[in-house]
Amino acid sequence: MKKEIVIGFLTALIATFFGCYLFIEYFSNKGFYETIKLITEGNLESKVLVIGAIANFFVFFIFLKKKQIYRARGVLLATFLIAFLVLFLTIFGK
């Protein structure tokens, strides 16, 4: 049971980072590293993280459709962690 939750949690983190990468790669006119620099200079990390977390919806519903409830719970936990990270970055950002 705990193993399944951890698998879901890690899958959600990977999906979030993959979503962030896709967003940066396909919706930026500049290079990847230059875009990362612009994001950090503009304090836009939380906004990009939220857009990347949209991928968690797909992972969550795939796990639900396959009746892998504990993995879906792991995705939910990771999404809440990302939400709290975004809240922290928004409140205590530069």
C-alpha atoms as a PDB file:
ATOM      1  CA  MET A   1       0.000   0.000   0.000  1.00  0.00           C
ATOM      2  CA  LYS A   2       2.721   2.507   0.947  1.00  0.00           C
ATOM      3  CA  LYS A   3       4.727   1.464  -2.093  1.00  0.00           C
ATOM      4  CA  GLU A   4       1.787   2.254  -4.375  1.00  0.00           C
ATOM      5  CA  ILE A   5       1.361   5.719  -2.833  1.00  0.00           C
ATOM      6  CA  VAL A   6       5.070   6.437  -3.291  1.00  0.00           C
ATOM      7  CA  ILE A   7       4.869   5.315  -6.935  1.00  0.00           C
ATOM      8  CA  GLY A   8       1.940   7.685  -7.504  1.00  0.00           C
ATOM      9  CA  PHE A   9       3.750  10.505  -5.707  1.00  0.00           C
ATOM     10  CA  LEU A  10       6.907  10.108  -7.792  1.00  0.00           C
ATOM     11  CA  THR A  11       4.899   9.750 -10.990  1.00  0.00           C
ATOM     12  CA  ALA A  12       3.138  13.042 -10.245  1.00  0.00           C
ATOM     13  CA  LEU A  13       6.422  14.833  -9.574  1.00  0.00           C
ATOM     14  CA  ILE A  14       7.854  13.535 -12.844  1.00  0.00           C
ATOM     15  CA  ALA A  15       4.681  14.544 -14.690  1.00  0.00           C
ATOM     16  CA  THR A  16       4.870  18.038 -13.198  1.00  0.00           C
ATOM     17  CA  PHE A  17       8.474  18.543 -14.211  1.00  0.00           C
ATOM     18  CA  PHE A  18       7.733  17.117 -17.654  1.00  0.00           C
ATOM     19  CA  GLY A  19       4.774  19.513 -17.960  1.00  0.00           C
ATOM     20  CA  CYS A  20       6.993  22.443 -16.989  1.00  0.00           C
ATOM     21  CA  TYR A  21       9.578  21.361 -19.539  1.00  0.00           C
ATOM     22  CA  LEU A  22       6.982  21.068 -22.299  1.00  0.00           C
ATOM     23  CA  PHE A  23       5.561  24.482 -21.457  1.00  0.00           C
ATOM     24  CA  ILE A  24       8.975  26.132 -21.516  1.00  0.00           C
ATOM     25  CA  GLU A  25      10.106  24.301 -24.634  1.00  0.00           C
ATOM     26  CA  TYR A  26       7.024  24.885 -26.780  1.00  0.00           C
ATOM     27  CA  PHE A  27       5.713  28.258 -25.631  1.00  0.00           C
ATOM     28  CA  SER A  28       8.951  30.201 -25.446  1.00  0.00           C
ATOM     29  CA  ASN A  29      10.673  31.908 -28.344  1.00  0.00           C
ATOM     30  CA  LYS A  30      14.030  31.769 -26.600  1.00  0.00           C
ATOM     31  CA  GLY A  31      16.297  28.861 -25.676  1.00  0.00           C
ATOM     32  CA  PHE A  32      15.583  26.626 -22.702  1.00  0.00           C
ATOM     33  CA  TYR A  33      18.280  27.976 -20.378  1.00  0.00           C
ATOM     34  CA  GLU A  34      17.602  31.566 -21.367  1.00  0.00           C
ATOM     35  CA  THR A  35      13.911  31.045 -20.583  1.00  0.00           C
ATOM     36  CA  ILE A  36      14.792  29.548 -17.187  1.00  0.00           C
ATOM     37  CA  LYS A  37      16.893  32.631 -16.483  1.00  0.00           C
ATOM     38  CA  LEU A  38      14.002  34.930 -17.455  1.00  0.00           C
ATOM     39  CA  ILE A  39      11.598  32.947 -15.251  1.00  0.00           C
ATOM     40  CA  THR A  40      13.851  33.249 -12.211  1.00  0.00           C
ATOM     41  CA  GLU A  41      14.507  36.953 -12.838  1.00  0.00           C
ATOM     42  CA  GLY A  42      10.778  37.652 -13.115  1.00  0.00           C
ATOM     43  CA  ASN A  43       9.834  35.508 -10.088  1.00  0.00           C
ATOM     44  CA  LEU A  44       7.555  33.405 -12.274  1.00  0.00           C
ATOM     45  CA  GLU A  45       8.542  30.008 -10.848  1.00  0.00           C
ATOM     46  CA  SER A  46       5.196  29.472  -9.152  1.00  0.00           C
ATOM     47  CA  LYS A  47       3.224  30.238 -12.307  1.00  0.00           C
ATOM     48  CA  VAL A  48       5.259  27.821 -14.415  1.00  0.00           C
ATOM     49  CA  LEU A  49       4.947  25.184 -11.686  1.00  0.00           C
ATOM     50  CA  VAL A  50       1.151  25.520 -11.703  1.00  0.00           C
ATOM     51  CA  ILE A  51       1.048  25.105 -15.474  1.00  0.00           C
ATOM     52  CA  GLY A  52       3.319  22.064 -15.208  1.00  0.00           C
ATOM     53  CA  ALA A  53       1.074  20.534 -12.545  1.00  0.00           C
ATOM     54  CA  ILE A  54      -1.800  20.339 -15.023  1.00  0.00           C
ATOM     55  CA  ALA A  55      -0.225  17.082 -16.209  1.00  0.00           C
ATOM     56  CA  ASN A  56      -1.138  15.576 -12.827  1.00  0.00           C
ATOM     57  CA  PHE A  57      -4.811  15.600 -13.800  1.00  0.00           C
ATOM     58  CA  PHE A  58      -4.101  13.198 -16.647  1.00  0.00           C
ATOM     59  CA  VAL A  59      -2.000  10.900 -14.455  1.00  0.00           C
ATOM     60  CA  PHE A  60      -4.640  10.985 -11.700  1.00  0.00           C
ATOM     61  CA  PHE A  61      -7.485   9.992 -14.006  1.00  0.00           C
ATOM     62  CA  ILE A  62      -5.415   7.277 -15.673  1.00  0.00           C
ATOM     63  CA  PHE A  63      -4.760   5.725 -12.263  1.00  0.00           C
ATOM     64  CA  LEU A  64      -8.440   5.997 -11.377  1.00  0.00           C
ATOM     65  CA  LYS A  65      -9.494   4.384 -14.655  1.00  0.00           C
ATOM     66  CA  LYS A  66      -7.092   1.502 -14.010  1.00  0.00           C
ATOM     67  CA  LYS A  67      -8.513   1.223 -10.460  1.00  0.00           C
ATOM     68  CA  GLN A  68      -5.112   1.977  -8.905  1.00  0.00           C
ATOM     69  CA  ILE A  69      -6.562   3.986  -6.050  1.00  0.00           C
ATOM     70  CA  TYR A  70      -3.438   4.180  -3.905  1.00  0.00           C
ATOM     71  CA  ARG A  71      -1.356   5.495  -6.786  1.00  0.00           C
ATOM     72  CA  ALA A  72      -4.053   8.110  -7.392  1.00  0.00           C
ATOM     73  CA  ARG A  73      -3.747   9.072  -3.720  1.00  0.00           C
ATOM     74  CA  GLY A  74      -0.009   9.545  -4.229  1.00  0.00           C
ATOM     75  CA  VAL A  75      -0.726  11.857  -7.156  1.00  0.00           C
ATOM     76  CA  LEU A  76      -3.117  13.814  -4.952  1.00  0.00           C
ATOM     77  CA  LEU A  77      -0.491  14.129  -2.205  1.00  0.00           C
ATOM     78  CA  ALA A  78       2.101  15.384  -4.681  1.00  0.00           C
ATOM     79  CA  THR A  79      -0.387  17.884  -6.094  1.00  0.00           C
ATOM     80  CA  PHE A  80      -1.095  19.224  -2.607  1.00  0.00           C
ATOM     81  CA  LEU A  81       2.653  19.491  -1.972  1.00  0.00           C
ATOM     82  CA  ILE A  82       3.055  21.467  -5.197  1.00  0.00           C
ATOM     83  CA  ALA A  83       0.130  23.694  -4.202  1.00  0.00           C
ATOM     84  CA  PHE A  84       1.764  24.459  -0.853  1.00  0.00           C
ATOM     85  CA  LEU A  85       5.072  25.116  -2.615  1.00  0.00           C
ATOM     86  CA  VAL A  86       3.326  27.569  -4.947  1.00  0.00           C
ATOM     87  CA  LEU A  87       1.683  29.244  -1.953  1.00  0.00           C
ATOM     88  CA  PHE A  88       5.061  29.487  -0.210  1.00  0.00           C
ATOM     89  CA  LEU A  89       6.701  30.945  -3.328  1.00  0.00           C
ATOM     90  CA  THR A  90       3.866  33.430  -3.740  1.00  0.00           C
ATOM     91  CA  ILE A  91       3.962  34.646  -0.139  1.00  0.00           C
ATOM     92  CA  PHE A  92       7.691  34.574   0.505  1.00  0.00           C
ATOM     93  CA  GLY A  93       8.962  35.252  -3.033  1.00  0.00           C
ATOM     94  CA  LYS A  94      11.348  38.096  -3.688  1.00  0.00           C
END
